[in-house]
């Protein structure tokens, strides 16, 4: 992967930053993007000397964002090989309680924006390139309260599979990474709530938290030639929650009130 160039959206923290760092560790030059120029600038300073990183501060939903981001990568690093669609909205709730404003926000940030960015990136990508979506296990199975969030995550899978078929013949692979819950700024406020732990941790066979580094490792693998025949796949990084009926012993033995 030495010398390849990647774009990572939502790069200023959490899973996005983990993807930047893991790709950089493998010799990839990375252009990060997001709304917060101050955070992106701080990340650039932190990574100075460790890897080649630059950024474009942009609202991914803006009309000019795709060309700004893709042109920025090519102008800075001379090519484009990897696109990691990580930015998204964590706005969710039951369908009957989802307003048009909530729906539009999630659709714009998590589906329309990556669609438009992929469309732009494909004009610059060639054989050996890789497009990745950071989705969610909520796109794999029904979840009460998933609403618009689950809808767009499933929609991303459809987009990924379509591109895998359409651009696979050009040597451009598309895949989807589905994390379980990861402790980031978005999830920190309710991480230790009893309901959250019951519906996540107590249903996961592996007895540790999923980390942003776990997702970064999977992204780096899928973007590499080591995964050169992996195309059109949805890969869950979830400790087994999406494929088992595991329930923690303390939950099985709990006494109903």
C-alpha atoms as a PDB file:
ATOM      1  CA  UNK A   1       0.000   0.000   0.000  1.00  0.00           C
ATOM      2  CA  UNK A   2       3.076   2.212   0.118  1.00  0.00           C
ATOM      3  CA  UNK A   3       2.439   5.419  -1.802  1.00  0.00           C
ATOM      4  CA  UNK A   4      -1.274   4.910  -2.339  1.00  0.00           C
ATOM      5  CA  UNK A   5      -3.624   7.812  -1.633  1.00  0.00           C
ATOM      6  CA  UNK A   6      -6.825   7.686   0.414  1.00  0.00           C
ATOM      7  CA  UNK A   7      -9.688   9.987   1.270  1.00  0.00           C
ATOM      8  CA  UNK A   8     -11.280   9.467   4.692  1.00  0.00           C
ATOM      9  CA  UNK A   9     -14.457  11.367   5.527  1.00  0.00           C
ATOM     10  CA  UNK A  10     -15.285  12.219   9.123  1.00  0.00           C
ATOM     11  CA  UNK A  11     -11.555  12.008   9.790  1.00  0.00           C
ATOM     12  CA  UNK A  12     -11.199  14.308  12.790  1.00  0.00           C
ATOM     13  CA  UNK A  13     -11.867  11.726  15.502  1.00  0.00           C
ATOM     14  CA  UNK A  14     -13.235   8.348  16.485  1.00  0.00           C
ATOM     15  CA  UNK A  15     -13.406   5.714  13.772  1.00  0.00           C
ATOM     16  CA  UNK A  16     -12.327   8.150  11.068  1.00  0.00           C
ATOM     17  CA  UNK A  17      -9.113   9.050  12.881  1.00  0.00           C
ATOM     18  CA  UNK A  18      -8.413   5.370  13.544  1.00  0.00           C
ATOM     19  CA  UNK A  19      -8.740   4.679   9.809  1.00  0.00           C
ATOM     20  CA  UNK A  20      -6.375   7.544   9.012  1.00  0.00           C
ATOM     21  CA  UNK A  21      -3.764   6.294  11.453  1.00  0.00           C
ATOM     22  CA  UNK A  22      -3.945   2.652  10.366  1.00  0.00           C
ATOM     23  CA  UNK A  23      -3.743   3.508   6.673  1.00  0.00           C
ATOM     24  CA  UNK A  24      -0.859   5.847   7.394  1.00  0.00           C
ATOM     25  CA  UNK A  25       0.972   3.098   9.265  1.00  0.00           C
ATOM     26  CA  UNK A  26       0.895   1.086   6.054  1.00  0.00           C
ATOM     27  CA  UNK A  27       2.360   3.873   3.954  1.00  0.00           C
ATOM     28  CA  UNK A  28      -0.835   5.400   2.599  1.00  0.00           C
ATOM     29  CA  UNK A  29      -1.052   9.166   2.091  1.00  0.00           C
ATOM     30  CA  UNK A  30      -4.367  10.392   3.451  1.00  0.00           C
ATOM     31  CA  UNK A  31      -6.576  13.386   2.811  1.00  0.00           C
ATOM     32  CA  UNK A  32      -9.008  13.741   5.685  1.00  0.00           C
ATOM     33  CA  UNK A  33     -12.197  15.712   5.488  1.00  0.00           C
ATOM     34  CA  UNK A  34     -14.898  16.921   7.838  1.00  0.00           C
ATOM     35  CA  UNK A  35     -16.628  20.075   8.986  1.00  0.00           C
ATOM     36  CA  UNK A  36     -14.257  21.002  11.808  1.00  0.00           C
ATOM     37  CA  UNK A  37     -11.114  22.607  10.413  1.00  0.00           C
ATOM     38  CA  UNK A  38      -9.676  23.122  13.908  1.00  0.00           C
ATOM     39  CA  UNK A  39      -9.845  19.412  14.777  1.00  0.00           C
ATOM     40  CA  UNK A  40      -8.468  18.404  11.383  1.00  0.00           C
ATOM     41  CA  UNK A  41      -5.615  20.861  11.805  1.00  0.00           C
ATOM     42  CA  UNK A  42      -4.824  19.444  15.240  1.00  0.00           C
ATOM     43  CA  UNK A  43      -4.762  15.941  13.758  1.00  0.00           C
ATOM     44  CA  UNK A  44      -2.385  17.098  11.041  1.00  0.00           C
ATOM     45  CA  UNK A  45      -0.043  18.476  13.688  1.00  0.00           C
ATOM     46  CA  UNK A  46      -0.267  15.270  15.716  1.00  0.00           C
ATOM     47  CA  UNK A  47       0.590  13.139  12.677  1.00  0.00           C
ATOM     48  CA  UNK A  48       3.450  15.315  11.433  1.00  0.00           C
ATOM     49  CA  UNK A  49       6.515  13.165  10.845  1.00  0.00           C
ATOM     50  CA  UNK A  50       4.571   9.917  11.224  1.00  0.00           C
ATOM     51  CA  UNK A  51       2.701   9.928   7.917  1.00  0.00           C
ATOM     52  CA  UNK A  52       1.631  12.161   5.046  1.00  0.00           C
ATOM     53  CA  UNK A  53      -1.700  13.718   5.987  1.00  0.00           C
ATOM     54  CA  UNK A  54      -3.545  16.779   4.810  1.00  0.00           C
ATOM     55  CA  UNK A  55      -7.152  17.859   5.006  1.00  0.00           C
ATOM     56  CA  UNK A  56      -9.992  19.697   3.323  1.00  0.00           C
ATOM     57  CA  UNK A  57     -12.581  21.162   5.670  1.00  0.00           C
ATOM     58  CA  UNK A  58     -15.955  20.780   3.978  1.00  0.00           C
ATOM     59  CA  UNK A  59     -19.593  20.066   4.688  1.00  0.00           C
ATOM     60  CA  UNK A  60     -20.082  16.752   2.894  1.00  0.00           C
ATOM     61  CA  UNK A  61     -23.637  17.721   1.945  1.00  0.00           C
ATOM     62  CA  UNK A  62     -22.607  20.904   0.109  1.00  0.00           C
ATOM     63  CA  UNK A  63     -22.972  20.969  -3.664  1.00  0.00           C
ATOM     64  CA  UNK A  64     -19.289  21.629  -4.240  1.00  0.00           C
ATOM     65  CA  UNK A  65     -17.999  19.177  -1.608  1.00  0.00           C
ATOM     66  CA  UNK A  66     -17.261  16.143  -3.843  1.00  0.00           C
ATOM     67  CA  UNK A  67     -15.124  18.079  -6.303  1.00  0.00           C
ATOM     68  CA  UNK A  68     -13.387  20.005  -3.492  1.00  0.00           C
ATOM     69  CA  UNK A  69     -12.471  16.795  -1.701  1.00  0.00           C
ATOM     70  CA  UNK A  70     -11.428  14.686  -4.688  1.00  0.00           C
ATOM     71  CA  UNK A  71      -9.546  17.537  -6.371  1.00  0.00           C
ATOM     72  CA  UNK A  72      -7.855  18.257  -3.049  1.00  0.00           C
ATOM     73  CA  UNK A  73      -6.521  14.711  -2.813  1.00  0.00           C
ATOM     74  CA  UNK A  74      -5.287  14.639  -6.398  1.00  0.00           C
ATOM     75  CA  UNK A  75      -3.738  18.102  -6.209  1.00  0.00           C
ATOM     76  CA  UNK A  76      -1.963  17.320  -2.940  1.00  0.00           C
ATOM     77  CA  UNK A  77      -0.871  13.738  -3.547  1.00  0.00           C
ATOM     78  CA  UNK A  78      -1.189  13.191  -7.305  1.00  0.00           C
ATOM     79  CA  UNK A  79      -3.655  10.285  -7.388  1.00  0.00           C
ATOM     80  CA  UNK A  80      -6.570   8.575  -5.657  1.00  0.00           C
ATOM     81  CA  UNK A  81      -6.727   4.881  -4.769  1.00  0.00           C
ATOM     82  CA  UNK A  82      -8.919   4.515  -1.674  1.00  0.00           C
ATOM     83  CA  UNK A  83     -12.137   6.152  -0.521  1.00  0.00           C
ATOM     84  CA  UNK A  84     -13.409   5.557   3.018  1.00  0.00           C
ATOM     85  CA  UNK A  85     -16.968   6.821   3.478  1.00  0.00           C
ATOM     86  CA  UNK A  86     -17.060   7.192   7.242  1.00  0.00           C
ATOM     87  CA  UNK A  87     -18.952  10.431   7.967  1.00  0.00           C
ATOM     88  CA  UNK A  88     -22.546   9.974   9.044  1.00  0.00           C
ATOM     89  CA  UNK A  89     -25.428  11.080  11.218  1.00  0.00           C
ATOM     90  CA  UNK A  90     -26.366   9.197  14.396  1.00  0.00           C
ATOM     91  CA  UNK A  91     -29.889  10.601  14.433  1.00  0.00           C
ATOM     92  CA  UNK A  92     -32.318   7.743  15.062  1.00  0.00           C
ATOM     93  CA  UNK A  93     -35.723   6.968  16.517  1.00  0.00           C
ATOM     94  CA  UNK A  94     -38.954   5.088  15.774  1.00  0.00           C
ATOM     95  CA  UNK A  95     -40.417   5.685  12.311  1.00  0.00           C
ATOM     96  CA  UNK A  96     -43.595   7.275  13.689  1.00  0.00           C
ATOM     97  CA  UNK A  97     -41.479   9.731  15.691  1.00  0.00           C
ATOM     98  CA  UNK A  98     -39.105  10.622  12.855  1.00  0.00           C
ATOM     99  CA  UNK A  99     -39.735  14.109  11.493  1.00  0.00           C
ATOM    100  CA  UNK A 100     -39.009  15.156   7.926  1.00  0.00           C
ATOM    101  CA  UNK A 101     -36.117  17.218   9.262  1.00  0.00           C
ATOM    102  CA  UNK A 102     -34.585  14.174  10.979  1.00  0.00           C
ATOM    103  CA  UNK A 103     -35.102  12.042   7.878  1.00  0.00           C
ATOM    104  CA  UNK A 104     -33.580  14.620   5.552  1.00  0.00           C
ATOM    105  CA  UNK A 105     -30.537  15.076   7.787  1.00  0.00           C
ATOM    106  CA  UNK A 106     -29.743  11.360   7.869  1.00  0.00           C
ATOM    107  CA  UNK A 107     -30.405  10.844   4.164  1.00  0.00           C
ATOM    108  CA  UNK A 108     -28.279  13.851   3.189  1.00  0.00           C
ATOM    109  CA  UNK A 109     -25.276  13.046   5.382  1.00  0.00           C
ATOM    110  CA  UNK A 110     -25.243   9.254   5.313  1.00  0.00           C
ATOM    111  CA  UNK A 111     -26.527   8.352   1.842  1.00  0.00           C
ATOM    112  CA  UNK A 112     -26.699  11.271  -0.574  1.00  0.00           C
ATOM    113  CA  UNK A 113     -23.277  12.661   0.398  1.00  0.00           C
ATOM    114  CA  UNK A 114     -21.362   9.365   0.032  1.00  0.00           C
ATOM    115  CA  UNK A 115     -23.217   8.601  -3.211  1.00  0.00           C
ATOM    116  CA  UNK A 116     -22.084  11.937  -4.678  1.00  0.00           C
ATOM    117  CA  UNK A 117     -18.541  11.527  -3.358  1.00  0.00           C
ATOM    118  CA  UNK A 118     -18.278   8.026  -4.861  1.00  0.00           C
ATOM    119  CA  UNK A 119     -19.535   9.389  -8.171  1.00  0.00           C
ATOM    120  CA  UNK A 120     -16.787  12.010  -8.191  1.00  0.00           C
ATOM    121  CA  UNK A 121     -14.046   9.685  -6.934  1.00  0.00           C
ATOM    122  CA  UNK A 122     -14.773   7.084  -9.611  1.00  0.00           C
ATOM    123  CA  UNK A 123     -13.647   9.545 -12.280  1.00  0.00           C
ATOM    124  CA  UNK A 124     -10.126   9.445 -10.782  1.00  0.00           C
ATOM    125  CA  UNK A 125      -9.823   5.834  -9.645  1.00  0.00           C
ATOM    126  CA  UNK A 126      -8.293   2.996 -11.611  1.00  0.00           C
ATOM    127  CA  UNK A 127      -7.457  -0.682 -11.309  1.00  0.00           C
ATOM    128  CA  UNK A 128      -6.487  -1.711  -7.802  1.00  0.00           C
ATOM    129  CA  UNK A 129      -8.622   0.974  -6.138  1.00  0.00           C
ATOM    130  CA  UNK A 130     -10.947   0.363  -3.211  1.00  0.00           C
ATOM    131  CA  UNK A 131     -14.137   2.042  -1.991  1.00  0.00           C
ATOM    132  CA  UNK A 132     -15.248   1.361   1.565  1.00  0.00           C
ATOM    133  CA  UNK A 133     -18.306   2.254   3.610  1.00  0.00           C
ATOM    134  CA  UNK A 134     -18.267   2.385   7.397  1.00  0.00           C
ATOM    135  CA  UNK A 135     -21.822   1.334   8.118  1.00  0.00           C
ATOM    136  CA  UNK A 136     -23.375  -0.402  11.096  1.00  0.00           C
ATOM    137  CA  UNK A 137     -24.780  -3.715  12.209  1.00  0.00           C
ATOM    138  CA  UNK A 138     -28.048  -1.750  12.334  1.00  0.00           C
ATOM    139  CA  UNK A 139     -28.033  -2.011   8.557  1.00  0.00           C
ATOM    140  CA  UNK A 140     -27.977  -5.818   8.799  1.00  0.00           C
ATOM    141  CA  UNK A 141     -30.917  -6.566  11.077  1.00  0.00           C
ATOM    142  CA  UNK A 142     -34.073  -4.963  12.372  1.00  0.00           C
ATOM    143  CA  UNK A 143     -33.580  -2.784  15.415  1.00  0.00           C
ATOM    144  CA  UNK A 144     -36.378  -1.088  17.380  1.00  0.00           C
ATOM    145  CA  UNK A 145     -35.857   2.642  17.091  1.00  0.00           C
ATOM    146  CA  UNK A 146     -33.547   2.348  14.101  1.00  0.00           C
ATOM    147  CA  UNK A 147     -35.743   4.516  11.901  1.00  0.00           C
ATOM    148  CA  UNK A 148     -33.900   6.602   9.333  1.00  0.00           C
ATOM    149  CA  UNK A 149     -30.483   5.516  10.635  1.00  0.00           C
ATOM    150  CA  UNK A 150     -31.085   1.821   9.918  1.00  0.00           C
ATOM    151  CA  UNK A 151     -32.672   2.732   6.594  1.00  0.00           C
ATOM    152  CA  UNK A 152     -29.635   4.572   5.266  1.00  0.00           C
ATOM    153  CA  UNK A 153     -27.197   1.967   6.569  1.00  0.00           C
ATOM    154  CA  UNK A 154     -29.071  -0.694   4.607  1.00  0.00           C
ATOM    155  CA  UNK A 155     -29.145   1.696   1.650  1.00  0.00           C
ATOM    156  CA  UNK A 156     -25.367   1.988   1.775  1.00  0.00           C
ATOM    157  CA  UNK A 157     -25.138  -1.788   1.373  1.00  0.00           C
ATOM    158  CA  UNK A 158     -27.251  -1.560  -1.783  1.00  0.00           C
ATOM    159  CA  UNK A 159     -25.015   1.193  -3.158  1.00  0.00           C
ATOM    160  CA  UNK A 160     -21.877  -0.778  -2.319  1.00  0.00           C
ATOM    161  CA  UNK A 161     -23.156  -3.946  -3.993  1.00  0.00           C
ATOM    162  CA  UNK A 162     -24.193  -2.035  -7.099  1.00  0.00           C
ATOM    163  CA  UNK A 163     -20.769  -0.440  -7.424  1.00  0.00           C
ATOM    164  CA  UNK A 164     -19.067  -3.792  -6.828  1.00  0.00           C
ATOM    165  CA  UNK A 165     -20.884  -5.122  -9.894  1.00  0.00           C
ATOM    166  CA  UNK A 166     -20.563  -1.974 -11.992  1.00  0.00           C
ATOM    167  CA  UNK A 167     -16.905  -1.151 -11.379  1.00  0.00           C
ATOM    168  CA  UNK A 168     -15.449  -4.523 -10.433  1.00  0.00           C
ATOM    169  CA  UNK A 169     -14.596  -5.112 -14.115  1.00  0.00           C
ATOM    170  CA  UNK A 170     -12.424  -1.979 -13.921  1.00  0.00           C
ATOM    171  CA  UNK A 171     -10.575  -3.432 -10.933  1.00  0.00           C
ATOM    172  CA  UNK A 172     -12.280  -1.147  -8.422  1.00  0.00           C
ATOM    173  CA  UNK A 173     -13.490  -3.052  -5.368  1.00  0.00           C
ATOM    174  CA  UNK A 174     -16.322  -1.939  -3.094  1.00  0.00           C
ATOM    175  CA  UNK A 175     -17.001  -3.311   0.398  1.00  0.00           C
ATOM    176  CA  UNK A 176     -18.914  -2.444   3.566  1.00  0.00           C
ATOM    177  CA  UNK A 177     -17.659  -2.606   7.150  1.00  0.00           C
ATOM    178  CA  UNK A 178     -20.436  -3.002   9.732  1.00  0.00           C
ATOM    179  CA  UNK A 179     -19.232  -2.159  13.248  1.00  0.00           C
ATOM    180  CA  UNK A 180     -21.167  -2.857  16.370  1.00  0.00           C
ATOM    181  CA  UNK A 181     -21.313   0.041  18.833  1.00  0.00           C
ATOM    182  CA  UNK A 182     -17.948   1.744  19.354  1.00  0.00           C
ATOM    183  CA  UNK A 183     -17.262   4.195  22.150  1.00  0.00           C
ATOM    184  CA  UNK A 184     -16.733   7.574  20.497  1.00  0.00           C
ATOM    185  CA  UNK A 185     -17.944  11.123  21.130  1.00  0.00           C
ATOM    186  CA  UNK A 186     -21.252  10.140  19.508  1.00  0.00           C
ATOM    187  CA  UNK A 187     -21.944   7.228  21.859  1.00  0.00           C
ATOM    188  CA  UNK A 188     -20.206   8.309  25.044  1.00  0.00           C
ATOM    189  CA  UNK A 189     -23.245  10.010  26.589  1.00  0.00           C
ATOM    190  CA  UNK A 190     -25.269   6.805  26.829  1.00  0.00           C
ATOM    191  CA  UNK A 191     -22.509   4.162  26.870  1.00  0.00           C
ATOM    192  CA  UNK A 192     -23.014   3.200  30.519  1.00  0.00           C
ATOM    193  CA  UNK A 193     -26.803   3.341  30.560  1.00  0.00           C
ATOM    194  CA  UNK A 194     -28.363   0.050  31.612  1.00  0.00           C
ATOM    195  CA  UNK A 195     -30.593  -0.157  28.522  1.00  0.00           C
ATOM    196  CA  UNK A 196     -27.649   0.421  26.186  1.00  0.00           C
ATOM    197  CA  UNK A 197     -25.531  -2.248  27.848  1.00  0.00           C
ATOM    198  CA  UNK A 198     -28.397  -4.756  27.879  1.00  0.00           C
ATOM    199  CA  UNK A 199     -29.071  -4.332  24.158  1.00  0.00           C
ATOM    200  CA  UNK A 200     -25.422  -4.364  23.106  1.00  0.00           C
ATOM    201  CA  UNK A 201     -22.807  -5.730  25.500  1.00  0.00           C
ATOM    202  CA  UNK A 202     -24.965  -8.459  27.013  1.00  0.00           C
ATOM    203  CA  UNK A 203     -25.761  -9.818  23.531  1.00  0.00           C
ATOM    204  CA  UNK A 204     -22.118  -9.958  22.380  1.00  0.00           C
ATOM    205  CA  UNK A 205     -20.117 -13.190  22.854  1.00  0.00           C
ATOM    206  CA  UNK A 206     -16.709 -11.486  22.970  1.00  0.00           C
ATOM    207  CA  UNK A 207     -16.292  -9.929  26.370  1.00  0.00           C
ATOM    208  CA  UNK A 208     -14.654  -6.650  25.483  1.00  0.00           C
ATOM    209  CA  UNK A 209     -15.652  -3.436  23.754  1.00  0.00           C
ATOM    210  CA  UNK A 210     -15.197  -2.964  20.033  1.00  0.00           C
ATOM    211  CA  UNK A 211     -12.663  -0.167  19.495  1.00  0.00           C
ATOM    212  CA  UNK A 212     -12.095   2.338  16.727  1.00  0.00           C
ATOM    213  CA  UNK A 213      -8.761   0.596  16.121  1.00  0.00           C
ATOM    214  CA  UNK A 214     -10.637  -2.648  15.366  1.00  0.00           C
ATOM    215  CA  UNK A 215     -12.456  -0.847  12.564  1.00  0.00           C
ATOM    216  CA  UNK A 216      -9.293   0.846  11.318  1.00  0.00           C
ATOM    217  CA  UNK A 217      -7.578  -2.531  11.088  1.00  0.00           C
ATOM    218  CA  UNK A 218     -10.396  -3.969   8.971  1.00  0.00           C
ATOM    219  CA  UNK A 219     -10.418  -0.931   6.697  1.00  0.00           C
ATOM    220  CA  UNK A 220      -6.669  -1.145   6.156  1.00  0.00           C
ATOM    221  CA  UNK A 221      -6.956  -4.839   5.299  1.00  0.00           C
ATOM    222  CA  UNK A 222      -9.856  -4.385   2.860  1.00  0.00           C
ATOM    223  CA  UNK A 223      -8.093  -1.490   1.148  1.00  0.00           C
ATOM    224  CA  UNK A 224      -4.938  -3.537   0.656  1.00  0.00           C
ATOM    225  CA  UNK A 225      -3.947  -6.003  -2.053  1.00  0.00           C
ATOM    226  CA  UNK A 226      -4.214  -8.711   0.616  1.00  0.00           C
ATOM    227  CA  UNK A 227      -7.977  -8.374   0.112  1.00  0.00           C
ATOM    228  CA  UNK A 228      -7.602  -8.131  -3.660  1.00  0.00           C
ATOM    229  CA  UNK A 229     -10.392 -10.638  -4.386  1.00  0.00           C
ATOM    230  CA  UNK A 230     -12.823  -9.327  -1.767  1.00  0.00           C
ATOM    231  CA  UNK A 231     -15.550  -7.356  -3.536  1.00  0.00           C
ATOM    232  CA  UNK A 232     -19.198  -6.622  -2.799  1.00  0.00           C
ATOM    233  CA  UNK A 233     -18.988  -7.907   0.767  1.00  0.00           C
ATOM    234  CA  UNK A 234     -20.480  -6.766   4.040  1.00  0.00           C
ATOM    235  CA  UNK A 235     -18.132  -7.626   6.891  1.00  0.00           C
ATOM    236  CA  UNK A 236     -19.334  -7.194  10.449  1.00  0.00           C
ATOM    237  CA  UNK A 237     -16.809  -6.238  13.112  1.00  0.00           C
ATOM    238  CA  UNK A 238     -19.132  -6.944  15.980  1.00  0.00           C
ATOM    239  CA  UNK A 239     -17.882  -9.713  18.263  1.00  0.00           C
ATOM    240  CA  UNK A 240     -20.609 -12.022  16.980  1.00  0.00           C
ATOM    241  CA  UNK A 241     -23.720 -10.026  17.905  1.00  0.00           C
ATOM    242  CA  UNK A 242     -25.204 -10.150  14.391  1.00  0.00           C
ATOM    243  CA  UNK A 243     -24.829 -13.907  13.825  1.00  0.00           C
ATOM    244  CA  UNK A 244     -25.468 -15.518  17.219  1.00  0.00           C
ATOM    245  CA  UNK A 245     -28.232 -15.711  19.772  1.00  0.00           C
ATOM    246  CA  UNK A 246     -25.814 -15.216  22.646  1.00  0.00           C
ATOM    247  CA  UNK A 247     -27.165 -13.767  25.881  1.00  0.00           C
ATOM    248  CA  UNK A 248     -24.864 -13.059  28.809  1.00  0.00           C
ATOM    249  CA  UNK A 249     -25.288 -15.452  31.782  1.00  0.00           C
ATOM    250  CA  UNK A 250     -26.216 -12.583  34.089  1.00  0.00           C
ATOM    251  CA  UNK A 251     -29.027 -11.621  31.708  1.00  0.00           C
ATOM    252  CA  UNK A 252     -30.264 -15.211  31.362  1.00  0.00           C
ATOM    253  CA  UNK A 253     -30.384 -15.567  35.137  1.00  0.00           C
ATOM    254  CA  UNK A 254     -31.929 -12.179  35.838  1.00  0.00           C
ATOM    255  CA  UNK A 255     -35.109 -12.256  37.902  1.00  0.00           C
ATOM    256  CA  UNK A 256     -38.081 -10.426  36.402  1.00  0.00           C
ATOM    257  CA  UNK A 257     -39.616  -7.758  38.630  1.00  0.00           C
END
